[in-house]
PDB file of N, CA and C in Angstrom:
ATOM      1  N   MET A   1       0.900  -1.059  -0.143  1.00  0.00           N
ATOM      2  CA  MET A   1      -0.144  -0.124  -0.174  1.00  0.00           C
ATOM      3  C   MET A   1       0.930   1.226   0.011  1.00  0.00           C
ATOM      4  N   LEU A   2       0.298   2.215  -0.583  1.00  0.00           N
ATOM      5  CA  LEU A   2       1.038   3.207  -1.056  1.00  0.00           C
ATOM      6  C   LEU A   2       1.153   4.257   0.022  1.00  0.00           C
ATOM      7  N   ASN A   3       2.331   5.283   0.816  1.00  0.00           N
ATOM      8  CA  ASN A   3       2.180   5.710   1.952  1.00  0.00           C
ATOM      9  C   ASN A   3       2.797   6.951   1.572  1.00  0.00           C
ATOM     10  N   PRO A   4       2.097   8.041   1.550  1.00  0.00           N
ATOM     11  CA  PRO A   4       0.841   8.606   1.740  1.00  0.00           C
ATOM     12  C   PRO A   4      -0.159   8.284   0.608  1.00  0.00           C
ATOM     13  N   SER A   5      -1.442   7.917   1.188  1.00  0.00           N
ATOM     14  CA  SER A   5      -2.234   7.478   0.180  1.00  0.00           C
ATOM     15  C   SER A   5      -2.571   8.351  -1.004  1.00  0.00           C
ATOM     16  N   ILE A   6      -3.085   7.837  -1.911  1.00  0.00           N
ATOM     17  CA  ILE A   6      -3.539   8.837  -3.185  1.00  0.00           C
ATOM     18  C   ILE A   6      -4.691   9.858  -2.713  1.00  0.00           C
ATOM     19  N   ASP A   7      -5.526   9.386  -2.161  1.00  0.00           N
ATOM     20  CA  ASP A   7      -6.704  10.334  -1.863  1.00  0.00           C
ATOM     21  C   ASP A   7      -6.138  10.998  -0.911  1.00  0.00           C
ATOM     22  N   SER A   8      -5.388  11.152   0.025  1.00  0.00           N
ATOM     23  CA  SER A   8      -4.960  12.253   0.805  1.00  0.00           C
ATOM     24  C   SER A   8      -3.675  13.160   0.056  1.00  0.00           C
ATOM     25  N   LEU A   9      -3.044  12.707  -0.946  1.00  0.00           N
ATOM     26  CA  LEU A   9      -2.395  13.459  -1.676  1.00  0.00           C
ATOM     27  C   LEU A   9      -3.222  14.322  -2.765  1.00  0.00           C
ATOM     28  N   LEU A  10      -4.351  13.966  -3.162  1.00  0.00           N
ATOM     29  CA  LEU A  10      -5.026  14.156  -4.029  1.00  0.00           C
ATOM     30  C   LEU A  10      -5.854  15.423  -3.308  1.00  0.00           C
ATOM     31  N   ASN A  11      -6.047  15.472  -1.694  1.00  0.00           N
ATOM     32  CA  ASN A  11      -6.642  16.782  -1.247  1.00  0.00           C
ATOM     33  C   ASN A  11      -5.494  17.929  -1.200  1.00  0.00           C
ATOM     34  N   LYS A  12      -4.397  17.684  -1.419  1.00  0.00           N
ATOM     35  CA  LYS A  12      -3.251  18.759  -1.333  1.00  0.00           C
ATOM     36  C   LYS A  12      -3.227  19.250  -2.849  1.00  0.00           C
ATOM     37  N   ILE A  13      -3.252  18.489  -3.918  1.00  0.00           N
ATOM     38  CA  ILE A  13      -3.015  18.617  -5.357  1.00  0.00           C
ATOM     39  C   ILE A  13      -4.001  18.243  -6.101  1.00  0.00           C
ATOM     40  N   ASP A  14      -4.373  19.126  -6.969  1.00  0.00           N
ATOM     41  CA  ASP A  14      -5.997  18.977  -7.726  1.00  0.00           C
ATOM     42  C   ASP A  14      -5.837  17.671  -8.730  1.00  0.00           C
ATOM     43  N   SER A  15      -4.773  17.412  -9.201  1.00  0.00           N
ATOM     44  CA  SER A  15      -5.163  16.164 -10.177  1.00  0.00           C
ATOM     45  C   SER A  15      -3.767  15.410 -10.132  1.00  0.00           C
ATOM     46  N   LYS A  16      -3.942  13.922 -10.947  1.00  0.00           N
ATOM     47  CA  LYS A  16      -2.936  13.104 -10.565  1.00  0.00           C
ATOM     48  C   LYS A  16      -1.593  13.507 -11.484  1.00  0.00           C
ATOM     49  N   TYR A  17      -1.980  13.875 -12.878  1.00  0.00           N
ATOM     50  CA  TYR A  17      -0.867  14.451 -13.453  1.00  0.00           C
ATOM     51  C   TYR A  17      -0.116  15.426 -13.008  1.00  0.00           C
ATOM     52  N   THR A  18      -0.722  16.579 -11.963  1.00  0.00           N
ATOM     53  CA  THR A  18       0.142  17.785 -11.442  1.00  0.00           C
ATOM     54  C   THR A  18       1.060  17.100 -10.304  1.00  0.00           C
ATOM     55  N   LEU A  19       0.324  15.862  -9.578  1.00  0.00           N
ATOM     56  CA  LEU A  19       1.064  15.301  -8.478  1.00  0.00           C
ATOM     57  C   LEU A  19       2.257  14.462  -8.799  1.00  0.00           C
ATOM     58  N   VAL A  20       1.877  14.006  -9.816  1.00  0.00           N
ATOM     59  CA  VAL A  20       3.247  13.103 -10.426  1.00  0.00           C
ATOM     60  C   VAL A  20       4.156  13.907 -10.974  1.00  0.00           C
ATOM     61  N   THR A  21       4.119  15.049 -11.635  1.00  0.00           N
ATOM     62  CA  THR A  21       4.792  16.194 -11.990  1.00  0.00           C
ATOM     63  C   THR A  21       5.787  16.807 -10.971  1.00  0.00           C
ATOM     64  N   VAL A  22       4.957  17.246  -9.975  1.00  0.00           N
ATOM     65  CA  VAL A  22       5.755  17.954  -8.960  1.00  0.00           C
ATOM     66  C   VAL A  22       6.652  17.009  -7.968  1.00  0.00           C
ATOM     67  N   ALA A  23       6.182  15.483  -7.728  1.00  0.00           N
ATOM     68  CA  ALA A  23       6.803  14.600  -7.217  1.00  0.00           C
ATOM     69  C   ALA A  23       8.118  14.324  -7.865  1.00  0.00           C
ATOM     70  N   ALA A  24       7.953  14.106  -9.234  1.00  0.00           N
ATOM     71  CA  ALA A  24       9.370  13.754  -9.784  1.00  0.00           C
ATOM     72  C   ALA A  24      10.368  14.911 -10.218  1.00  0.00           C
ATOM     73  N   LYS A  25      10.220  16.235  -9.980  1.00  0.00           N
ATOM     74  CA  LYS A  25      10.690  17.070 -10.160  1.00  0.00           C
ATOM     75  C   LYS A  25      11.232  17.362  -8.997  1.00  0.00           C
ATOM     76  N   ARG A  26      10.739  17.200  -7.654  1.00  0.00           N
ATOM     77  CA  ARG A  26      11.190  17.344  -6.461  1.00  0.00           C
ATOM     78  C   ARG A  26      11.976  16.165  -5.934  1.00  0.00           C
ATOM     79  N   ALA A  27      11.944  14.696  -6.542  1.00  0.00           N
ATOM     80  CA  ALA A  27      12.707  13.897  -6.300  1.00  0.00           C
ATOM     81  C   ALA A  27      14.158  14.198  -7.114  1.00  0.00           C
ATOM     82  N   ARG A  28      13.795  14.483  -8.365  1.00  0.00           N
ATOM     83  CA  ARG A  28      15.018  15.024  -9.075  1.00  0.00           C
ATOM     84  C   ARG A  28      16.051  15.975  -8.142  1.00  0.00           C
ATOM     85  N   GLU A  29      15.453  16.630  -7.738  1.00  0.00           N
ATOM     86  CA  GLU A  29      16.086  17.741  -6.972  1.00  0.00           C
ATOM     87  C   GLU A  29      16.647  17.165  -5.625  1.00  0.00           C
ATOM     88  N   MET A  30      16.091  16.552  -5.342  1.00  0.00           N
ATOM     89  CA  MET A  30      16.653  15.671  -4.025  1.00  0.00           C
ATOM     90  C   MET A  30      17.845  14.801  -4.290  1.00  0.00           C
ATOM     91  N   GLN A  31      17.615  14.136  -5.339  1.00  0.00           N
ATOM     92  CA  GLN A  31      18.723  13.489  -5.846  1.00  0.00           C
ATOM     93  C   GLN A  31      20.314  14.513  -5.822  1.00  0.00           C
ATOM     94  N   GLU A  32      20.009  15.419  -6.716  1.00  0.00           N
ATOM     95  CA  GLU A  32      21.158  16.568  -6.888  1.00  0.00           C
ATOM     96  C   GLU A  32      21.652  17.115  -5.922  1.00  0.00           C
ATOM     97  N   ARG A  33      20.666  17.508  -4.874  1.00  0.00           N
ATOM     98  CA  ARG A  33      21.221  18.038  -3.529  1.00  0.00           C
ATOM     99  C   ARG A  33      21.456  17.319  -1.792  1.00  0.00           C
ATOM    100  N   TYR A  34      20.726  16.026  -1.911  1.00  0.00           N
ATOM    101  CA  TYR A  34      20.542  15.550  -0.849  1.00  0.00           C
ATOM    102  C   TYR A  34      20.152  16.104   0.273  1.00  0.00           C
ATOM    103  N   ASP A  35      18.763  16.722   0.063  1.00  0.00           N
ATOM    104  CA  ASP A  35      18.219  17.477   0.883  1.00  0.00           C
ATOM    105  C   ASP A  35      16.449  17.396   1.027  1.00  0.00           C
ATOM    106  N   CYS A  36      16.559  16.545   2.177  1.00  0.00           N
ATOM    107  CA  CYS A  36      15.122  16.069   2.584  1.00  0.00           C
ATOM    108  C   CYS A  36      14.455  16.582   3.334  1.00  0.00           C
ATOM    109  N   ARG A  37      12.890  17.312   3.363  1.00  0.00           N
ATOM    110  CA  ARG A  37      12.543  18.216   4.647  1.00  0.00           C
ATOM    111  C   ARG A  37      12.046  17.422   5.501  1.00  0.00           C
ATOM    112  N   VAL A  38      11.539  15.693   5.046  1.00  0.00           N
ATOM    113  CA  VAL A  38      10.977  15.497   6.000  1.00  0.00           C
ATOM    114  C   VAL A  38      11.794  14.797   6.738  1.00  0.00           C
ATOM    115  N   GLU A  39      11.513  15.351   8.602  1.00  0.00           N
ATOM    116  CA  GLU A  39      12.683  14.329   9.288  1.00  0.00           C
ATOM    117  C   GLU A  39      13.126  13.550   9.242  1.00  0.00           C
ATOM    118  N   ARG A  40      11.880  12.474   9.394  1.00  0.00           N
ATOM    119  CA  ARG A  40      12.279  11.048   9.383  1.00  0.00           C
ATOM    120  C   ARG A  40      11.005  10.097   8.709  1.00  0.00           C
ATOM    121  N   PRO A  41      11.750  10.192   7.132  1.00  0.00           N
ATOM    122  CA  PRO A  41      10.902   9.774   6.130  1.00  0.00           C
ATOM    123  C   PRO A  41      10.667   8.416   5.923  1.00  0.00           C
ATOM    124  N   VAL A  42       9.335   7.679   5.380  1.00  0.00           N
ATOM    125  CA  VAL A  42       9.024   6.392   5.824  1.00  0.00           C
ATOM    126  C   VAL A  42       9.391   5.570   4.503  1.00  0.00           C
ATOM    127  N   SER A  43       9.860   6.488   3.245  1.00  0.00           N
ATOM    128  CA  SER A  43      10.174   5.777   2.064  1.00  0.00           C
ATOM    129  C   SER A  43      11.838   6.201   2.031  1.00  0.00           C
ATOM    130  N   HIS A  44      12.189   4.770   1.618  1.00  0.00           N
ATOM    131  CA  HIS A  44      13.698   5.225   1.130  1.00  0.00           C
ATOM    132  C   HIS A  44      14.051   5.771  -0.429  1.00  0.00           C
ATOM    133  N   LYS A  45      13.137   5.607  -1.034  1.00  0.00           N
ATOM    134  CA  LYS A  45      13.185   6.354  -2.300  1.00  0.00           C
ATOM    135  C   LYS A  45      13.014   7.879  -2.672  1.00  0.00           C
ATOM    136  N   TYR A  46      13.662   8.720  -3.518  1.00  0.00           N
ATOM    137  CA  TYR A  46      13.549   9.987  -3.770  1.00  0.00           C
ATOM    138  C   TYR A  46      11.822  10.161  -3.865  1.00  0.00           C
ATOM    139  N   VAL A  47      11.410   9.355  -4.941  1.00  0.00           N
ATOM    140  CA  VAL A  47       9.532  10.177  -5.328  1.00  0.00           C
ATOM    141  C   VAL A  47       8.894   9.772  -4.019  1.00  0.00           C
ATOM    142  N   GLY A  48       9.303   8.710  -3.152  1.00  0.00           N
ATOM    143  CA  GLY A  48       8.299   8.292  -1.875  1.00  0.00           C
ATOM    144  C   GLY A  48       8.625   9.709  -1.182  1.00  0.00           C
ATOM    145  N   LYS A  49       9.987  10.131  -0.942  1.00  0.00           N
ATOM    146  CA  LYS A  49      10.025  11.377   0.087  1.00  0.00           C
ATOM    147  C   LYS A  49       9.577  12.185  -0.467  1.00  0.00           C
ATOM    148  N   ALA A  50       9.361  12.510  -1.585  1.00  0.00           N
ATOM    149  CA  ALA A  50       8.623  13.878  -2.539  1.00  0.00           C
ATOM    150  C   ALA A  50       7.142  13.917  -1.978  1.00  0.00           C
ATOM    151  N   LEU A  51       6.747  12.669  -2.070  1.00  0.00           N
ATOM    152  CA  LEU A  51       5.249  12.491  -1.601  1.00  0.00           C
ATOM    153  C   LEU A  51       4.866  12.562  -0.401  1.00  0.00           C
ATOM    154  N   GLU A  52       5.507  12.288   0.656  1.00  0.00           N
ATOM    155  CA  GLU A  52       5.624  12.564   2.215  1.00  0.00           C
ATOM    156  C   GLU A  52       5.480  14.151   2.212  1.00  0.00           C
ATOM    157  N   GLU A  53       6.456  14.696   1.692  1.00  0.00           N
ATOM    158  CA  GLU A  53       6.445  16.515   1.860  1.00  0.00           C
ATOM    159  C   GLU A  53       5.328  17.135   1.220  1.00  0.00           C
ATOM    160  N   ILE A  54       4.928  16.435   0.180  1.00  0.00           N
ATOM    161  CA  ILE A  54       3.522  16.927  -0.615  1.00  0.00           C
ATOM    162  C   ILE A  54       2.642  16.565   0.407  1.00  0.00           C
ATOM    163  N   ASP A  55       2.428  15.313   1.185  1.00  0.00           N
ATOM    164  CA  ASP A  55       1.325  14.985   2.137  1.00  0.00           C
ATOM    165  C   ASP A  55       1.370  15.931   3.304  1.00  0.00           C
ATOM    166  N   SER A  56       2.969  16.420   3.889  1.00  0.00           N
ATOM    167  CA  SER A  56       3.066  17.215   4.967  1.00  0.00           C
ATOM    168  C   SER A  56       2.554  18.545   4.792  1.00  0.00           C
ATOM    169  N   ARG A  57       2.631  19.087   3.936  1.00  0.00           N
ATOM    170  CA  ARG A  57       2.191  20.285   2.931  1.00  0.00           C
ATOM    171  C   ARG A  57       3.839  21.355   3.254  1.00  0.00           C
ATOM    172  N   MET A  58       4.852  20.553   3.238  1.00  0.00           N
ATOM    173  CA  MET A  58       6.376  20.866   3.285  1.00  0.00           C
ATOM    174  C   MET A  58       6.699  21.433   1.747  1.00  0.00           C
ATOM    175  N   LEU A  59       5.641  20.975   0.613  1.00  0.00           N
ATOM    176  CA  LEU A  59       5.845  21.305  -0.678  1.00  0.00           C
ATOM    177  C   LEU A  59       4.679  21.381  -1.137  1.00  0.00           C
ATOM    178  N   ASP A  60       4.550  22.415  -2.059  1.00  0.00           N
ATOM    179  CA  ASP A  60       2.942  22.672  -2.613  1.00  0.00           C
ATOM    180  C   ASP A  60       3.398  23.539  -3.707  1.00  0.00           C
ATOM    181  N   TYR A  61       2.334  23.337  -4.654  1.00  0.00           N
ATOM    182  CA  TYR A  61       2.181  23.798  -6.047  1.00  0.00           C
ATOM    183  C   TYR A  61       1.244  24.923  -6.252  1.00  0.00           C
ATOM    184  N   LYS A  62       1.461  26.009  -6.713  1.00  0.00           N
ATOM    185  CA  LYS A  62       0.786  26.965  -7.532  1.00  0.00           C
ATOM    186  C   LYS A  62       0.847  27.297  -9.114  1.00  0.00           C
ATOM    187  N   PRO A  63      -0.386  26.598  -9.459  1.00  0.00           N
ATOM    188  CA  PRO A  63      -0.286  26.971 -11.120  1.00  0.00           C
ATOM    189  C   PRO A  63      -0.323  28.141 -11.579  1.00  0.00           C
ATOM    190  N   GLN A  64       0.746  28.154 -12.597  1.00  0.00           N
ATOM    191  CA  GLN A  64       0.769  29.787 -13.313  1.00  0.00           C
ATOM    192  C   GLN A  64      -0.430  29.849 -14.155  1.00  0.00           C
ATOM    193  N   GLU A  65      -0.419  31.326 -14.415  1.00  0.00           N
ATOM    194  CA  GLU A  65      -1.966  31.735 -15.212  1.00  0.00           C
ATOM    195  C   GLU A  65      -1.633  31.536 -16.313  1.00  0.00           C
ATOM    196  N   GLU A  66      -2.408  31.127 -17.562  1.00  0.00           N
ATOM    197  CA  GLU A  66      -2.139  30.988 -18.644  1.00  0.00           C
ATOM    198  C   GLU A  66      -1.957  32.392 -19.618  1.00  0.00           C
ATOM    199  N   LYS A  67      -1.245  32.383 -20.474  1.00  0.00           N
ATOM    200  CA  LYS A  67      -0.878  33.164 -21.319  1.00  0.00           C
ATOM    201  C   LYS A  67      -1.447  33.418 -22.291  1.00  0.00           C
ATOM    202  N   SER A  68      -2.208  34.523 -22.696  1.00  0.00           N
ATOM    203  CA  SER A  68      -3.311  34.814 -23.758  1.00  0.00           C
ATOM    204  C   SER A  68      -2.285  35.309 -24.800  1.00  0.00           C
ATOM    205  N   GLY A  69      -2.073  34.245 -26.038  1.00  0.00           N
ATOM    206  CA  GLY A  69      -1.431  34.640 -26.965  1.00  0.00           C
ATOM    207  C   GLY A  69      -1.784  34.647 -28.263  1.00  0.00           C
ATOM    208  N   LYS A  70      -3.258  35.383 -28.044  1.00  0.00           N
ATOM    209  CA  LYS A  70      -4.064  36.099 -29.016  1.00  0.00           C
ATOM    210  C   LYS A  70      -3.761  37.063 -30.321  1.00  0.00           C
TER     211      LYS A  70
END
């Protein structure tokens, strides 16, 4: 079972696509910098740690406004 659950993560971020994108970018960042914001992560993998950061609201996503190119 996934920890944290998808349901609790989707309460923090609006769509599965956005959730995957944000977690993947943060996982890549953690891999390069070796900085995890969660004090005692359950997961040993970077994506799992990124999901834990999202669940604990240490990592947030703010959508960019669409540019009108008309």
